[in-house]
C-alpha atoms as a PDB file:
ATOM      1  CA  MET A   1      82.754 117.457 137.509  1.00  0.00           C
ATOM      2  CA  GLY A   2      86.216 118.837 136.885  1.00  0.00           C
ATOM      3  CA  LYS A   3      88.736 117.530 134.404  1.00  0.00           C
ATOM      4  CA  ILE A   4      89.622 113.888 135.006  1.00  0.00           C
ATOM      5  CA  THR A   5      93.258 113.094 135.623  1.00  0.00           C
ATOM      6  CA  ILE A   6      95.479 110.325 135.720  1.00  0.00           C
ATOM      7  CA  ASN A   7      95.141 109.986 139.332  1.00  0.00           C
ATOM      8  CA  GLU A   8      91.543 109.208 139.079  1.00  0.00           C
ATOM      9  CA  ILE A   9      92.264 106.617 136.599  1.00  0.00           C
ATOM     10  CA  ALA A  10      95.101 105.043 138.633  1.00  0.00           C
ATOM     11  CA  LYS A  11      92.628 104.918 141.786  1.00  0.00           C
ATOM     12  CA  ILE A  12      89.883 103.050 139.824  1.00  0.00           C
ATOM     13  CA  ALA A  13      92.158 100.504 138.202  1.00  0.00           C
ATOM     14  CA  ASN A  14      94.015 100.141 141.492  1.00  0.00           C
ATOM     15  CA  VAL A  15      97.324 100.546 139.371  1.00  0.00           C
ATOM     16  CA  SER A  16     100.064 103.114 139.586  1.00  0.00           C
ATOM     17  CA  LYS A  17     100.373 106.152 137.482  1.00  0.00           C
ATOM     18  CA  SER A  18     103.374 104.689 135.620  1.00  0.00           C
ATOM     19  CA  THR A  19     101.242 101.567 134.734  1.00  0.00           C
ATOM     20  CA  ILE A  20      98.520 104.155 133.129  1.00  0.00           C
ATOM     21  CA  SER A  21     101.351 105.635 131.208  1.00  0.00           C
ATOM     22  CA  ARG A  22     102.472 102.594 129.770  1.00  0.00           C
ATOM     23  CA  VAL A  23      99.025 101.691 128.611  1.00  0.00           C
ATOM     24  CA  LEU A  24      98.452 105.169 127.055  1.00  0.00           C
ATOM     25  CA  ASN A  25     101.696 105.321 125.485  1.00  0.00           C
ATOM     26  CA  LYS A  26     101.745 101.728 124.418  1.00  0.00           C
ATOM     27  CA  SER A  27     105.263 101.405 125.896  1.00  0.00           C
ATOM     28  CA  GLY A  28     106.761  98.734 128.395  1.00  0.00           C
ATOM     29  CA  THR A  29     105.148  95.390 129.410  1.00  0.00           C
ATOM     30  CA  VAL A  30     101.586  95.543 130.954  1.00  0.00           C
ATOM     31  CA  SER A  31      99.673  92.433 131.708  1.00  0.00           C
ATOM     32  CA  THR A  32      96.377  91.698 129.670  1.00  0.00           C
ATOM     33  CA  LYS A  33      94.224  91.750 132.741  1.00  0.00           C
ATOM     34  CA  THR A  34      95.908  95.147 134.081  1.00  0.00           C
ATOM     35  CA  LYS A  35      95.640  96.823 130.518  1.00  0.00           C
ATOM     36  CA  LYS A  36      91.806  95.929 130.585  1.00  0.00           C
ATOM     37  CA  ALA A  37      91.493  97.388 133.933  1.00  0.00           C
ATOM     38  CA  VAL A  38      93.112 100.488 132.973  1.00  0.00           C
ATOM     39  CA  LEU A  39      91.013 100.742 129.733  1.00  0.00           C
ATOM     40  CA  ASP A  40      87.891 100.095 131.263  1.00  0.00           C
ATOM     41  CA  ALA A  41      88.589 102.995 133.840  1.00  0.00           C
ATOM     42  CA  ILE A  42      89.486 105.209 130.873  1.00  0.00           C
ATOM     43  CA  ASP A  43      86.259 104.189 129.414  1.00  0.00           C
ATOM     44  CA  ALA A  44      84.174 104.699 132.420  1.00  0.00           C
ATOM     45  CA  LEU A  45      85.346 108.110 132.973  1.00  0.00           C
ATOM     46  CA  ASP A  46      85.393 109.200 129.578  1.00  0.00           C
ATOM     47  CA  TYR A  47      89.298 110.238 129.965  1.00  0.00           C
ATOM     48  CA  LYS A  48      90.718 112.235 127.317  1.00  0.00           C
ATOM     49  CA  PRO A  49      94.721 112.482 127.534  1.00  0.00           C
ATOM     50  CA  ASN A  50      96.084 115.719 127.188  1.00  0.00           C
ATOM     51  CA  GLU A  51      98.129 115.513 123.862  1.00  0.00           C
ATOM     52  CA  ILE A  52     100.307 118.568 124.234  1.00  0.00           C
ATOM     53  CA  ALA A  53     101.589 117.128 127.575  1.00  0.00           C
ATOM     54  CA  ARG A  54     101.979 113.685 126.110  1.00  0.00           C
ATOM     55  CA  SER A  55     104.070 114.927 123.574  1.00  0.00           C
ATOM     56  CA  LEU A  56     106.162 117.071 125.707  1.00  0.00           C
ATOM     57  CA  ALA A  57     106.822 113.832 127.912  1.00  0.00           C
ATOM     58  CA  THR A  58     107.392 111.405 124.741  1.00  0.00           C
ATOM     59  CA  LYS A  59     108.861 113.908 122.557  1.00  0.00           C
ATOM     60  CA  ARG A  60     106.421 112.725 119.835  1.00  0.00           C
ATOM     61  CA  THR A  61     103.314 114.282 118.423  1.00  0.00           C
ATOM     62  CA  ARG A  62     102.217 111.112 116.875  1.00  0.00           C
ATOM     63  CA  THR A  63     101.509 113.140 113.462  1.00  0.00           C
ATOM     64  CA  ILE A  64     103.022 112.204 110.098  1.00  0.00           C
ATOM     65  CA  GLY A  65     103.434 114.556 107.349  1.00  0.00           C
ATOM     66  CA  LEU A  66     102.239 113.389 103.844  1.00  0.00           C
ATOM     67  CA  ILE A  67     103.246 115.229 100.578  1.00  0.00           C
ATOM     68  CA  ILE A  68     101.463 114.187  97.518  1.00  0.00           C
ATOM     69  CA  GLN A  69     102.192 115.681  94.105  1.00  0.00           C
ATOM     70  CA  ASP A  70      98.727 116.360  92.744  1.00  0.00           C
ATOM     71  CA  VAL A  71      95.561 115.310  94.491  1.00  0.00           C
ATOM     72  CA  ARG A  72      93.505 115.720  91.058  1.00  0.00           C
ATOM     73  CA  ASN A  73      95.280 112.542  90.075  1.00  0.00           C
ATOM     74  CA  LEU A  74      93.143 109.329  91.096  1.00  0.00           C
ATOM     75  CA  TYR A  75      96.357 107.576  91.653  1.00  0.00           C
ATOM     76  CA  TYR A  76      97.333 109.920  94.242  1.00  0.00           C
ATOM     77  CA  ALA A  77      93.940 110.249  95.778  1.00  0.00           C
ATOM     78  CA  GLN A  78      94.166 106.555  96.225  1.00  0.00           C
ATOM     79  CA  ALA A  79      97.796 106.823  97.801  1.00  0.00           C
ATOM     80  CA  CYS A  80      96.534 109.352 100.042  1.00  0.00           C
ATOM     81  CA  TRP A  81      93.163 107.432 101.230  1.00  0.00           C
ATOM     82  CA  HIS A  82      94.955 104.191 101.988  1.00  0.00           C
ATOM     83  CA  THR A  83      98.097 105.984 103.765  1.00  0.00           C
ATOM     84  CA  GLU A  84      95.616 107.896 106.273  1.00  0.00           C
ATOM     85  CA  ARG A  85      93.778 104.611 106.992  1.00  0.00           C
ATOM     86  CA  ILE A  86      96.946 102.830 107.874  1.00  0.00           C
ATOM     87  CA  LEU A  87      98.232 105.735 110.129  1.00  0.00           C
ATOM     88  CA  ARG A  88      94.956 106.023 111.873  1.00  0.00           C
ATOM     89  CA  LYS A  89      94.709 102.630 112.766  1.00  0.00           C
ATOM     90  CA  MET A  90      98.328 102.984 114.268  1.00  0.00           C
ATOM     91  CA  GLY A  91      97.074 105.899 116.162  1.00  0.00           C
ATOM     92  CA  TYR A  92      98.595 108.563 113.972  1.00  0.00           C
ATOM     93  CA  THR A  93      97.176 111.761 112.847  1.00  0.00           C
ATOM     94  CA  THR A  94      97.896 112.721 109.183  1.00  0.00           C
ATOM     95  CA  ILE A  95      98.787 116.081 107.854  1.00  0.00           C
ATOM     96  CA  ILE A  96      98.260 115.756 104.139  1.00  0.00           C
ATOM     97  CA  CYS A  97     100.208 118.258 101.956  1.00  0.00           C
ATOM     98  CA  ASN A  98      99.148 118.672  97.913  1.00  0.00           C
ATOM     99  CA  ALA A  99     102.761 119.773  96.331  1.00  0.00           C
ATOM    100  CA  ASP A 100     101.075 120.712  93.097  1.00  0.00           C
ATOM    101  CA  ASN A 101     104.009 119.075  91.158  1.00  0.00           C
ATOM    102  CA  ASP A 102     105.928 122.414  92.419  1.00  0.00           C
ATOM    103  CA  PRO A 103     109.319 121.851  94.071  1.00  0.00           C
ATOM    104  CA  VAL A 104     109.167 125.198  95.635  1.00  0.00           C
ATOM    105  CA  VAL A 105     105.661 124.404  97.352  1.00  0.00           C
ATOM    106  CA  GLU A 106     107.100 120.821  98.377  1.00  0.00           C
ATOM    107  CA  GLU A 107     110.045 122.472 100.033  1.00  0.00           C
ATOM    108  CA  SER A 108     107.853 124.814 101.739  1.00  0.00           C
ATOM    109  CA  PHE A 109     105.775 122.024 103.072  1.00  0.00           C
ATOM    110  CA  LEU A 110     108.753 120.131 104.412  1.00  0.00           C
ATOM    111  CA  THR A 111     109.935 123.258 106.552  1.00  0.00           C
ATOM    112  CA  GLY A 112     106.269 123.604 107.828  1.00  0.00           C
ATOM    113  CA  LEU A 113     106.030 120.004 108.761  1.00  0.00           C
ATOM    114  CA  LYS A 114     109.439 120.434 110.714  1.00  0.00           C
ATOM    115  CA  TYR A 115     108.002 123.235 112.774  1.00  0.00           C
ATOM    116  CA  ARG A 116     104.966 121.307 113.432  1.00  0.00           C
ATOM    117  CA  ASN A 117     107.152 118.629 114.975  1.00  0.00           C
ATOM    118  CA  VAL A 118     105.788 115.745 112.999  1.00  0.00           C
ATOM    119  CA  ASP A 119     107.283 112.616 113.903  1.00  0.00           C
ATOM    120  CA  GLY A 120     107.999 111.554 110.112  1.00  0.00           C
ATOM    121  CA  ILE A 121     107.338 112.335 106.600  1.00  0.00           C
ATOM    122  CA  LEU A 122     106.118 110.212 103.605  1.00  0.00           C
ATOM    123  CA  CYS A 123     106.611 111.810 100.171  1.00  0.00           C
ATOM    124  CA  ILE A 124     104.412 109.856  97.304  1.00  0.00           C
ATOM    125  CA  GLY A 125     105.285 110.775  93.754  1.00  0.00           C
ATOM    126  CA  ILE A 126     107.859 111.919  91.701  1.00  0.00           C
ATOM    127  CA  GLN A 127     109.128 115.343  91.000  1.00  0.00           C
ATOM    128  CA  GLU A 128     111.980 115.637  88.455  1.00  0.00           C
ATOM    129  CA  ASP A 129     113.585 118.281  90.935  1.00  0.00           C
ATOM    130  CA  ALA A 130     115.122 116.367  94.009  1.00  0.00           C
ATOM    131  CA  THR A 131     116.559 119.576  95.511  1.00  0.00           C
ATOM    132  CA  SER A 132     113.970 120.033  98.268  1.00  0.00           C
ATOM    133  CA  ILE A 133     114.296 116.481  99.603  1.00  0.00           C
ATOM    134  CA  LEU A 134     118.268 116.586  99.489  1.00  0.00           C
ATOM    135  CA  ASN A 135     118.368 119.974 101.214  1.00  0.00           C
ATOM    136  CA  PHE A 136     116.144 118.754 103.837  1.00  0.00           C
ATOM    137  CA  LYS A 137     117.706 115.420 104.394  1.00  0.00           C
ATOM    138  CA  SER A 138     121.013 117.171 104.821  1.00  0.00           C
ATOM    139  CA  LYS A 139     120.025 119.538 107.753  1.00  0.00           C
ATOM    140  CA  GLU A 140     117.351 117.449 109.332  1.00  0.00           C
ATOM    141  CA  GLU A 141     116.955 114.256 111.565  1.00  0.00           C
ATOM    142  CA  ILE A 142     113.491 113.747 110.920  1.00  0.00           C
ATOM    143  CA  PRO A 143     112.496 110.230 109.618  1.00  0.00           C
ATOM    144  CA  LEU A 144     111.874 110.471 105.753  1.00  0.00           C
ATOM    145  CA  VAL A 145     110.595 107.763 103.346  1.00  0.00           C
ATOM    146  CA  LEU A 146     109.921 108.210  99.683  1.00  0.00           C
ATOM    147  CA  VAL A 147     107.157 106.012  97.838  1.00  0.00           C
ATOM    148  CA  ASP A 148     106.998 105.977  94.024  1.00  0.00           C
ATOM    149  CA  ARG A 149     110.248 108.186  94.036  1.00  0.00           C
ATOM    150  CA  MET A 150     113.912 107.617  93.968  1.00  0.00           C
ATOM    151  CA  VAL A 151     116.880 110.098  94.461  1.00  0.00           C
ATOM    152  CA  LYS A 152     119.929 108.292  92.843  1.00  0.00           C
ATOM    153  CA  GLY A 153     122.867 108.152  94.626  1.00  0.00           C
ATOM    154  CA  TYR A 154     121.344 108.950  97.995  1.00  0.00           C
ATOM    155  CA  PRO A 155     120.762 106.768 101.060  1.00  0.00           C
ATOM    156  CA  ILE A 156     116.808 107.716 101.480  1.00  0.00           C
ATOM    157  CA  PRO A 157     114.499 104.868 102.253  1.00  0.00           C
ATOM    158  CA  ALA A 158     112.398 104.374  99.230  1.00  0.00           C
ATOM    159  CA  VAL A 159     109.715 102.045  98.025  1.00  0.00           C
ATOM    160  CA  ASN A 160     109.467 102.068  93.986  1.00  0.00           C
ATOM    161  CA  LEU A 161     108.208  99.855  91.024  1.00  0.00           C
ATOM    162  CA  ASP A 162     110.368  98.613  88.326  1.00  0.00           C
ATOM    163  CA  ASN A 163     109.402 100.955  85.782  1.00  0.00           C
ATOM    164  CA  GLU A 164     111.464 100.175  82.984  1.00  0.00           C
ATOM    165  CA  TYR A 165     110.559  96.548  83.217  1.00  0.00           C
ATOM    166  CA  GLY A 166     106.697  98.070  83.138  1.00  0.00           C
ATOM    167  CA  GLY A 167     107.755  99.670  79.629  1.00  0.00           C
ATOM    168  CA  ARG A 168     109.265  96.633  78.090  1.00  0.00           C
ATOM    169  CA  LEU A 169     106.161  94.623  79.337  1.00  0.00           C
ATOM    170  CA  VAL A 170     103.599  96.772  77.585  1.00  0.00           C
ATOM    171  CA  ALA A 171     105.673  96.858  74.347  1.00  0.00           C
ATOM    172  CA  ASP A 172     106.226  93.228  74.338  1.00  0.00           C
ATOM    173  CA  TYR A 173     102.310  92.620  75.001  1.00  0.00           C
ATOM    174  CA  LEU A 174     101.394  95.007  72.259  1.00  0.00           C
ATOM    175  CA  PHE A 175     103.849  93.184  69.763  1.00  0.00           C
ATOM    176  CA  SER A 176     102.428  89.687  70.787  1.00  0.00           C
ATOM    177  CA  LEU A 177      98.972  91.008  69.305  1.00  0.00           C
ATOM    178  CA  GLY A 178     100.564  92.065  66.252  1.00  0.00           C
ATOM    179  CA  HIS A 179     101.044  95.815  66.890  1.00  0.00           C
ATOM    180  CA  THR A 180     104.460  97.591  65.725  1.00  0.00           C
ATOM    181  CA  ASN A 181     103.160 100.822  64.802  1.00  0.00           C
ATOM    182  CA  ILE A 182     102.839 102.394  68.311  1.00  0.00           C
ATOM    183  CA  ALA A 183     102.815 105.642  69.744  1.00  0.00           C
ATOM    184  CA  PHE A 184     103.985 106.613  73.382  1.00  0.00           C
ATOM    185  CA  ILE A 185     102.156 109.197  74.967  1.00  0.00           C
ATOM    186  CA  THR A 186     103.393 111.171  77.952  1.00  0.00           C
ATOM    187  CA  SER A 187     104.247 114.576  79.649  1.00  0.00           C
ATOM    188  CA  ASP A 188     107.955 113.547  80.081  1.00  0.00           C
ATOM    189  CA  PHE A 189     107.488 115.024  83.499  1.00  0.00           C
ATOM    190  CA  THR A 190     108.571 112.501  85.926  1.00  0.00           C
ATOM    191  CA  GLU A 191     111.352 110.049  86.263  1.00  0.00           C
ATOM    192  CA  ALA A 192     109.083 107.071  86.380  1.00  0.00           C
ATOM    193  CA  GLU A 193     107.541 108.171  82.949  1.00  0.00           C
ATOM    194  CA  ARG A 194     110.928 108.662  81.504  1.00  0.00           C
ATOM    195  CA  THR A 195     111.924 105.376  82.693  1.00  0.00           C
ATOM    196  CA  ARG A 196     108.733 103.723  81.296  1.00  0.00           C
ATOM    197  CA  PHE A 197     109.711 104.938  77.784  1.00  0.00           C
ATOM    198  CA  GLU A 198     113.362 103.634  78.194  1.00  0.00           C
ATOM    199  CA  GLY A 199     111.794 100.078  78.782  1.00  0.00           C
ATOM    200  CA  PHE A 200     109.444 100.874  75.899  1.00  0.00           C
ATOM    201  CA  ARG A 201     112.074 101.790  73.698  1.00  0.00           C
ATOM    202  CA  ALA A 202     114.558  99.021  74.830  1.00  0.00           C
ATOM    203  CA  ALA A 203     111.794  96.440  73.583  1.00  0.00           C
ATOM    204  CA  PHE A 204     111.856  97.939  70.232  1.00  0.00           C
ATOM    205  CA  GLN A 205     115.473  97.794  69.875  1.00  0.00           C
ATOM    206  CA  ALA A 206     115.726  94.014  70.988  1.00  0.00           C
ATOM    207  CA  ARG A 207     113.391  93.364  68.144  1.00  0.00           C
ATOM    208  CA  ASN A 208     115.307  95.581  65.635  1.00  0.00           C
ATOM    209  CA  LEU A 209     112.178  97.752  65.212  1.00  0.00           C
ATOM    210  CA  HIS A 210     112.466 101.351  64.682  1.00  0.00           C
ATOM    211  CA  LEU A 211     110.499 103.701  67.183  1.00  0.00           C
ATOM    212  CA  GLU A 212     109.622 106.767  64.922  1.00  0.00           C
ATOM    213  CA  ASP A 213     110.067 110.304  66.488  1.00  0.00           C
ATOM    214  CA  ARG A 214     106.495 111.184  65.173  1.00  0.00           C
ATOM    215  CA  CYS A 215     105.020 108.223  67.695  1.00  0.00           C
ATOM    216  CA  ILE A 216     106.520 110.006  70.753  1.00  0.00           C
ATOM    217  CA  ILE A 217     103.933 112.474  71.906  1.00  0.00           C
ATOM    218  CA  LYS A 218     104.976 114.875  74.709  1.00  0.00           C
ATOM    219  CA  GLN A 219     103.091 117.917  76.153  1.00  0.00           C
ATOM    220  CA  SER A 220     102.691 119.569  79.600  1.00  0.00           C
ATOM    221  CA  GLU A 221     100.966 118.186  82.551  1.00  0.00           C
ATOM    222  CA  GLU A 222      98.670 121.400  82.404  1.00  0.00           C
ATOM    223  CA  LEU A 223      97.310 120.779  79.067  1.00  0.00           C
ATOM    224  CA  TRP A 224      96.606 117.323  79.932  1.00  0.00           C
ATOM    225  CA  HIS A 225      94.414 118.496  82.737  1.00  0.00           C
ATOM    226  CA  GLN A 226      93.019 120.738  80.254  1.00  0.00           C
ATOM    227  CA  GLY A 227      92.065 117.558  78.245  1.00  0.00           C
ATOM    228  CA  THR A 228      93.620 118.568  74.793  1.00  0.00           C
ATOM    229  CA  CYS A 229      96.507 117.152  72.887  1.00  0.00           C
ATOM    230  CA  GLU A 230      97.208 118.697  69.547  1.00  0.00           C
ATOM    231  CA  PRO A 231     100.244 116.562  68.600  1.00  0.00           C
ATOM    232  CA  LEU A 232      98.052 113.221  69.356  1.00  0.00           C
ATOM    233  CA  VAL A 233      95.423 114.747  66.789  1.00  0.00           C
ATOM    234  CA  ARG A 234      97.802 115.577  64.214  1.00  0.00           C
ATOM    235  CA  LEU A 235      99.112 111.925  64.396  1.00  0.00           C
ATOM    236  CA  LEU A 236      95.450 110.512  64.251  1.00  0.00           C
ATOM    237  CA  ARG A 237      95.111 112.443  61.017  1.00  0.00           C
ATOM    238  CA  GLU A 238      98.039 110.875  59.326  1.00  0.00           C
ATOM    239  CA  SER A 239      97.432 107.941  56.735  1.00  0.00           C
ATOM    240  CA  ASP A 240      99.794 105.737  58.648  1.00  0.00           C
ATOM    241  CA  ARG A 241      98.690 106.374  61.987  1.00  0.00           C
ATOM    242  CA  PRO A 242      99.233 104.026  64.819  1.00  0.00           C
ATOM    243  CA  THR A 243      97.422 100.944  65.628  1.00  0.00           C
ATOM    244  CA  ALA A 244      98.128 101.379  69.220  1.00  0.00           C
ATOM    245  CA  LEU A 245      98.810 103.991  72.013  1.00  0.00           C
ATOM    246  CA  PHE A 246     100.728 103.528  75.086  1.00  0.00           C
ATOM    247  CA  ALA A 247      99.870 106.407  77.738  1.00  0.00           C
ATOM    248  CA  SER A 248     102.629 106.832  80.425  1.00  0.00           C
ATOM    249  CA  ASN A 249      99.874 106.672  83.243  1.00  0.00           C
ATOM    250  CA  ASP A 250      96.049 105.872  83.344  1.00  0.00           C
ATOM    251  CA  TYR A 251      95.026 109.588  83.642  1.00  0.00           C
ATOM    252  CA  LYS A 252      96.558 110.339  80.490  1.00  0.00           C
ATOM    253  CA  ALA A 253      94.872 107.057  78.933  1.00  0.00           C
ATOM    254  CA  LEU A 254      91.534 108.298  80.062  1.00  0.00           C
ATOM    255  CA  ARG A 255      92.148 111.727  78.203  1.00  0.00           C
ATOM    256  CA  VAL A 256      93.367 109.737  75.094  1.00  0.00           C
ATOM    257  CA  LEU A 257      90.124 107.531  75.133  1.00  0.00           C
ATOM    258  CA  ARG A 258      88.055 110.871  75.188  1.00  0.00           C
ATOM    259  CA  ILE A 259      90.067 112.184  72.172  1.00  0.00           C
ATOM    260  CA  LEU A 260      89.684 109.207  70.482  1.00  0.00           C
ATOM    261  CA  ARG A 261      85.986 109.369  71.028  1.00  0.00           C
ATOM    262  CA  GLN A 262      85.773 112.919  69.912  1.00  0.00           C
ATOM    263  CA  HIS A 263      87.371 112.012  66.658  1.00  0.00           C
ATOM    264  CA  ASN A 264      84.964 109.147  66.172  1.00  0.00           C
ATOM    265  CA  ILE A 265      88.009 106.445  66.527  1.00  0.00           C
ATOM    266  CA  SER A 266      86.760 103.193  67.964  1.00  0.00           C
ATOM    267  CA  VAL A 267      88.947 101.690  70.702  1.00  0.00           C
ATOM    268  CA  PRO A 268      90.021  98.732  70.394  1.00  0.00           C
ATOM    269  CA  GLY A 269      88.264  98.516  66.766  1.00  0.00           C
ATOM    270  CA  ASP A 270      90.635 101.133  65.282  1.00  0.00           C
ATOM    271  CA  ILE A 271      93.087 101.642  67.959  1.00  0.00           C
ATOM    272  CA  SER A 272      94.114  99.896  71.026  1.00  0.00           C
ATOM    273  CA  VAL A 273      95.078 102.101  74.119  1.00  0.00           C
ATOM    274  CA  VAL A 274      97.048 100.793  77.158  1.00  0.00           C
ATOM    275  CA  GLY A 275      97.526 102.702  80.439  1.00  0.00           C
ATOM    276  CA  TYR A 276      99.727 102.432  83.527  1.00  0.00           C
ATOM    277  CA  ASP A 277      98.832 102.498  87.065  1.00  0.00           C
ATOM    278  CA  ASP A 278      95.739 100.709  87.123  1.00  0.00           C
ATOM    279  CA  ILE A 279      93.623 103.096  89.104  1.00  0.00           C
ATOM    280  CA  GLU A 280      90.042 102.253  90.127  1.00  0.00           C
ATOM    281  CA  THR A 281      88.604 104.379  87.062  1.00  0.00           C
ATOM    282  CA  ALA A 282      90.552 102.036  84.689  1.00  0.00           C
ATOM    283  CA  SER A 283      88.276  99.031  85.161  1.00  0.00           C
ATOM    284  CA  ILE A 284      85.063 100.856  85.103  1.00  0.00           C
ATOM    285  CA  VAL A 285      85.359 103.227  82.030  1.00  0.00           C
ATOM    286  CA  HIS A 286      84.075 101.846  78.819  1.00  0.00           C
ATOM    287  CA  PRO A 287      86.048 100.230  77.090  1.00  0.00           C
ATOM    288  CA  ALA A 288      87.641  98.925  80.479  1.00  0.00           C
ATOM    289  CA  LEU A 289      91.424 100.124  80.150  1.00  0.00           C
ATOM    290  CA  THR A 290      94.099  97.381  79.525  1.00  0.00           C
ATOM    291  CA  THR A 291      96.694  98.742  81.922  1.00  0.00           C
ATOM    292  CA  VAL A 292      99.935  98.029  83.834  1.00  0.00           C
ATOM    293  CA  HIS A 293      98.965  97.408  87.786  1.00  0.00           C
ATOM    294  CA  GLN A 294     101.138  99.387  90.166  1.00  0.00           C
ATOM    295  CA  PRO A 295     100.264  97.963  93.675  1.00  0.00           C
ATOM    296  CA  ILE A 296     100.118 101.311  95.338  1.00  0.00           C
ATOM    297  CA  ASP A 297      98.137 100.081  98.304  1.00  0.00           C
ATOM    298  CA  LYS A 298     101.102  97.733  98.874  1.00  0.00           C
ATOM    299  CA  MET A 299     103.757 100.309  98.074  1.00  0.00           C
ATOM    300  CA  VAL A 300     102.318 102.725 100.598  1.00  0.00           C
ATOM    301  CA  GLU A 301     101.834 100.146 103.305  1.00  0.00           C
ATOM    302  CA  LEU A 302     105.695  99.062 102.993  1.00  0.00           C
ATOM    303  CA  GLY A 303     106.677 102.946 103.075  1.00  0.00           C
ATOM    304  CA  THR A 304     104.514 103.754 105.848  1.00  0.00           C
ATOM    305  CA  ARG A 305     105.783 100.642 107.907  1.00  0.00           C
ATOM    306  CA  ARG A 306     109.425 101.553 107.062  1.00  0.00           C
ATOM    307  CA  LEU A 307     108.763 105.198 108.630  1.00  0.00           C
ATOM    308  CA  LEU A 308     106.986 104.030 111.734  1.00  0.00           C
ATOM    309  CA  LYS A 309     110.212 101.452 112.196  1.00  0.00           C
ATOM    310  CA  LEU A 310     112.432 104.454 111.629  1.00  0.00           C
ATOM    311  CA  ILE A 311     110.602 106.698 114.144  1.00  0.00           C
ATOM    312  CA  ASP A 312     110.833 103.908 116.444  1.00  0.00           C
ATOM    313  CA  GLY A 313     114.927 103.898 116.222  1.00  0.00           C
ATOM    314  CA  GLU A 314     115.498 101.148 113.910  1.00  0.00           C
ATOM    315  CA  ARG A 315     118.006 102.012 111.449  1.00  0.00           C
ATOM    316  CA  GLU A 316     119.071  98.855 109.674  1.00  0.00           C
ATOM    317  CA  ILE A 317     116.723  99.128 106.935  1.00  0.00           C
ATOM    318  CA  ASP A 318     117.500  98.237 103.349  1.00  0.00           C
ATOM    319  CA  GLU A 319     117.492 101.802 101.315  1.00  0.00           C
ATOM    320  CA  GLN A 320     115.366 100.561  98.540  1.00  0.00           C
ATOM    321  CA  GLN A 321     112.567  98.324  97.974  1.00  0.00           C
ATOM    322  CA  VAL A 322     111.747  97.534  94.105  1.00  0.00           C
ATOM    323  CA  LEU A 323     108.427  95.698  93.443  1.00  0.00           C
ATOM    324  CA  GLN A 324     107.411  94.341  89.914  1.00  0.00           C
ATOM    325  CA  PRO A 325     104.509  95.612  87.944  1.00  0.00           C
ATOM    326  CA  LEU A 326     101.759  93.341  86.225  1.00  0.00           C
ATOM    327  CA  LEU A 327      99.640  93.732  83.102  1.00  0.00           C
ATOM    328  CA  VAL A 328      96.221  93.725  83.162  1.00  0.00           C
ATOM    329  CA  GLU A 329      94.328  92.956  80.032  1.00  0.00           C
ATOM    330  CA  ARG A 330      91.026  94.304  79.746  1.00  0.00           C
ATOM    331  CA  GLU A 331      88.666  95.563  76.684  1.00  0.00           C
ATOM    332  CA  SER A 332      90.714  98.536  75.135  1.00  0.00           C
ATOM    333  CA  THR A 333      93.305  96.193  73.349  1.00  0.00           C
ATOM    334  CA  ARG A 334      92.562  93.689  70.474  1.00  0.00           C
ATOM    335  CA  SER A 335      94.696  91.617  68.388  1.00  0.00           C
ATOM    336  CA  LEU A 336      95.665  92.395  64.688  1.00  0.00           C
ATOM    337  CA  CYS A 337      96.869  88.772  64.201  1.00  0.00           C
END
């Protein structure tokens, strides 16, 4: 049998070719009865549409570019998985790109996705350098939405979390448990981490408490991936070591738990630990991690649906959506009171 065409489908379903087109492209109005007849005919003949021809006719490829920052981080893995599932259900294919926390790599992906004629681009996660995004938006009309990333001063649609509030939330929680000697542990790599720190520090200032420089631990992302943190180890050796540690994300908090175990420091018996993100591993590690829940599934869903609306031509969309974080108390913290 030769290749099945739209003509054969139209004959069996007893409808016009334009009706077949409306059903396949999910455009226009088609009655439920007619739609069923068309779909039954497609199923009976095992018809496979010519996607290239369809994209030429509709000027759409039904593909979305997804740029994430670091696939090794379980937070991004969860975001990637959820995004692809949503888009698949909506009839889209996702091209997944790992920017490796590198603005040059990100810019190359943006250019590559343009030449692949994607219908839109979703960028999840923060880089300090927003040049690639701004360059792309200044030259291209391809719809683009940011999730967990904000470029201040530019009208780029984004879905974000109130990270300053999240930082204050952790500090106030630890204060309520009697902790005042608290260290903040980070890479200072992303705007989100810096904003969490600003909220954390503001909570100290609001209580007229002094946050010592020795309690602000920073090191590169690569060293965190190697699982070492010498500045933290030095702090742990001090006689007046902190009673609580706040890591700027769960990935670092899990590394901190391992370092503490290596030095025979009990959690939460000797030191309480709090993370940020609430990745799946946070609830199954021992001890289960107290953390700030970042609703990445909801953020991704909101960002994806906004992108699809932009693709469909809707322009009256608020630039920024900001969600509120929640603190999830588990086993890695205890009261000193």
